[in-house]
Amino acid sequence: MKHTPRTHDKPMSIIDNRKAFHDYFIEEKYEAGLVLEGWEVKAIRAGRANIKEAYVILRGEELFILGMHISALQSASTHVKTDPVRTRKLLMHAKEIAKLIGKVERAGFTLVPLDLHYAKGRIKATIGLAKGKKQYDKRESEKERDWERDKARLMRVKT
């Protein structure tokens, strides 16, 4: 029997961090769970999150995401104290975290959040192991992107 793909088998993107691809060379990608409060989950589902300025840090044997902004909904409870930019813990397997610690501390890599997505009904974050781009690298990738766009435009005109 053939396996029919279900909608929850593929991750559904919520937010992308395009700035990360502009500022960094992404070497590897990892998926991590997020420790969120109820109002944060509702706000993310409503599309009120921003990870453009966010980054990931290591504290001991744990990963935390800083700078991720989640705006509270108007209908949030009055008894809940909402902090839009609080530090949120990331959940990963200990072996993966140990591997990341080694690369970040020795090889000069940094960790950046690439996107938030749904995986099997839960909100997950894709974390990228990245090296910073220099200014000339950014210009080079911009030229490459412009050339690809011009090439596609020329091919479209010819046919």
Protein backbone atom coordinates (compact mmCIF):
# COMPACT_ATOMS: atom_id res chain seq x y z
CA MET A 1 0.00 0.00 0.00
CA LYS A 2 1.19 3.50 -0.79
CA HIS A 3 1.74 5.96 1.96
CA THR A 4 -0.38 9.06 1.41
CA PRO A 5 1.25 12.18 2.84
CA ARG A 6 -0.82 13.98 5.43
CA THR A 7 -0.78 17.69 6.05
CA HIS A 8 0.92 17.33 9.44
CA ASP A 9 3.80 15.24 8.02
CA LYS A 10 5.44 18.26 6.37
CA PRO A 11 6.39 21.28 8.47
CA MET A 12 4.22 24.31 7.77
CA SER A 13 6.17 27.57 7.97
CA ILE A 14 5.01 30.37 10.27
CA ILE A 15 7.85 32.92 10.07
CA ASP A 16 11.08 33.00 8.07
CA ASN A 17 14.23 34.92 9.00
CA ARG A 18 15.46 36.03 5.57
CA LYS A 19 17.95 38.41 7.17
CA ALA A 20 19.86 35.41 8.56
CA PHE A 21 20.55 34.12 5.04
CA HIS A 22 21.76 37.59 4.03
CA ASP A 23 24.09 38.01 7.02
CA TYR A 24 25.40 34.44 7.46
CA PHE A 25 26.59 31.35 5.61
CA ILE A 26 24.34 28.58 6.98
CA GLU A 27 26.39 25.38 7.40
CA GLU A 28 23.90 23.07 9.15
CA LYS A 29 20.26 23.21 10.24
CA TYR A 30 18.71 21.75 13.38
CA GLU A 31 15.14 21.55 14.63
CA ALA A 32 14.42 22.55 18.22
CA GLY A 33 11.31 22.72 20.33
CA LEU A 34 10.37 25.89 22.20
CA VAL A 35 9.21 26.32 25.78
CA LEU A 36 6.25 28.68 25.36
CA GLU A 37 3.42 29.96 27.48
CA GLY A 38 -0.20 29.66 26.38
CA TRP A 39 -0.62 33.28 25.30
CA GLU A 40 2.60 33.02 23.23
CA VAL A 41 1.29 30.01 21.32
CA LYS A 42 -1.95 31.85 20.54
CA ALA A 43 -0.05 34.94 19.42
CA ILE A 44 2.28 32.91 17.17
CA ARG A 45 -0.70 31.16 15.60
CA ALA A 46 -2.14 34.63 14.91
CA GLY A 47 1.14 35.61 13.20
CA ARG A 48 2.31 38.10 15.83
CA ALA A 49 5.93 36.89 16.20
CA ASN A 50 9.19 38.30 14.86
CA ILE A 51 12.60 36.56 14.81
CA LYS A 52 14.52 39.05 12.67
CA GLU A 53 16.67 40.35 15.54
CA ALA A 54 16.77 37.07 17.49
CA TYR A 55 19.83 34.97 18.25
CA VAL A 56 20.62 31.78 20.16
CA ILE A 57 22.99 31.55 23.13
CA LEU A 58 24.43 28.71 25.19
CA ARG A 59 24.18 28.78 28.97
CA GLY A 60 25.77 25.72 30.49
CA GLU A 61 24.28 22.72 28.69
CA GLU A 62 21.14 24.55 27.52
CA LEU A 63 20.13 26.65 24.52
CA PHE A 64 18.11 29.86 24.81
CA ILE A 65 16.67 32.18 22.17
CA LEU A 66 16.96 35.90 22.86
CA GLY A 67 15.37 38.81 21.03
CA MET A 68 12.41 36.89 19.63
CA HIS A 69 9.46 39.29 19.85
CA ILE A 70 5.95 37.91 20.40
CA SER A 71 3.22 40.55 20.68
CA ALA A 72 0.37 39.65 22.98
CA LEU A 73 -3.13 39.49 21.56
CA GLN A 74 -5.68 42.08 22.64
CA SER A 75 -7.76 39.28 24.13
CA ALA A 76 -4.94 38.11 26.45
CA SER A 77 -5.99 37.58 30.05
CA THR A 78 -5.50 40.45 32.45
CA HIS A 79 -3.92 38.23 35.12
CA VAL A 80 -1.13 37.11 32.78
CA LYS A 81 1.98 39.33 32.73
CA THR A 82 3.13 39.34 29.11
CA ASP A 83 6.80 39.98 28.31
CA PRO A 84 7.15 40.13 24.51
CA VAL A 85 10.95 39.66 24.40
CA ARG A 86 11.58 37.27 27.28
CA THR A 87 14.31 34.64 27.01
CA ARG A 88 12.83 31.34 25.82
CA LYS A 89 14.41 27.92 26.27
CA LEU A 90 15.04 25.66 23.26
CA LEU A 91 14.60 21.91 23.54
CA MET A 92 17.01 19.54 21.79
CA HIS A 93 18.61 16.18 22.49
CA ALA A 94 21.68 16.32 24.74
CA LYS A 95 23.92 14.79 22.03
CA GLU A 96 22.90 17.48 19.53
CA ILE A 97 23.51 20.23 22.09
CA ALA A 98 26.95 18.79 22.92
CA LYS A 99 27.84 18.77 19.22
CA LEU A 100 26.68 22.38 18.83
CA ILE A 101 28.62 23.49 21.91
CA GLY A 102 31.81 22.08 20.42
CA LYS A 103 31.33 23.81 17.09
CA VAL A 104 30.29 27.15 18.54
CA GLU A 105 33.13 27.35 21.08
CA ARG A 106 35.97 25.94 18.96
CA ALA A 107 35.16 26.62 15.32
CA GLY A 108 33.82 30.17 15.68
CA PHE A 109 30.30 29.41 14.54
CA THR A 110 27.20 31.16 15.80
CA LEU A 111 23.61 29.97 16.17
CA VAL A 112 20.77 31.88 14.51
CA PRO A 113 17.05 31.10 14.32
CA LEU A 114 16.03 30.56 10.69
CA ASP A 115 12.29 30.00 11.00
CA LEU A 116 9.36 28.97 13.14
CA HIS A 117 7.14 26.21 11.83
CA TYR A 118 4.53 23.66 12.84
CA ALA A 119 5.65 20.04 13.08
CA LYS A 120 2.95 17.55 14.06
CA GLY A 121 0.87 20.34 15.57
CA ARG A 122 3.69 21.77 17.70
CA ILE A 123 5.63 24.98 17.16
CA LYS A 124 9.29 24.29 16.38
CA ALA A 125 12.26 26.49 15.50
CA THR A 126 14.89 25.75 12.86
CA ILE A 127 18.30 26.76 14.18
CA GLY A 128 21.19 27.37 11.79
CA LEU A 129 24.85 26.80 12.57
CA ALA A 130 26.28 29.83 10.79
CA LYS A 131 29.44 31.74 9.96
CA GLY A 132 29.21 35.50 9.48
CA LYS A 133 29.46 36.98 6.00
CA LYS A 134 31.82 39.83 5.25
CA GLN A 135 30.54 42.88 3.35
CA TYR A 136 32.07 41.70 0.07
CA ASP A 137 30.37 38.30 0.49
CA LYS A 138 27.02 40.05 0.84
CA ARG A 139 27.66 42.10 -2.32
CA GLU A 140 28.72 38.97 -4.19
CA SER A 141 25.56 37.05 -3.22
CA GLU A 142 23.47 40.09 -4.20
CA LYS A 143 25.12 40.19 -7.65
CA GLU A 144 24.52 36.45 -8.02
CA ARG A 145 20.84 36.84 -7.11
CA ASP A 146 20.44 39.75 -9.58
CA TRP A 147 22.08 37.70 -12.34
CA GLU A 148 19.77 34.73 -11.68
CA ARG A 149 16.76 37.07 -11.87
CA ASP A 150 18.02 38.64 -15.15
CA LYS A 151 18.77 35.21 -16.60
CA ALA A 152 15.24 34.00 -15.77
CA ARG A 153 13.78 37.17 -17.30
CA LEU A 154 15.81 36.66 -20.53
CA MET A 155 14.74 33.01 -20.78
CA ARG A 156 11.11 34.01 -20.29
CA VAL A 157 11.32 36.66 -23.07
CA LYS A 158 12.84 34.21 -25.60
CA THR A 159 10.09 31.60 -25.27
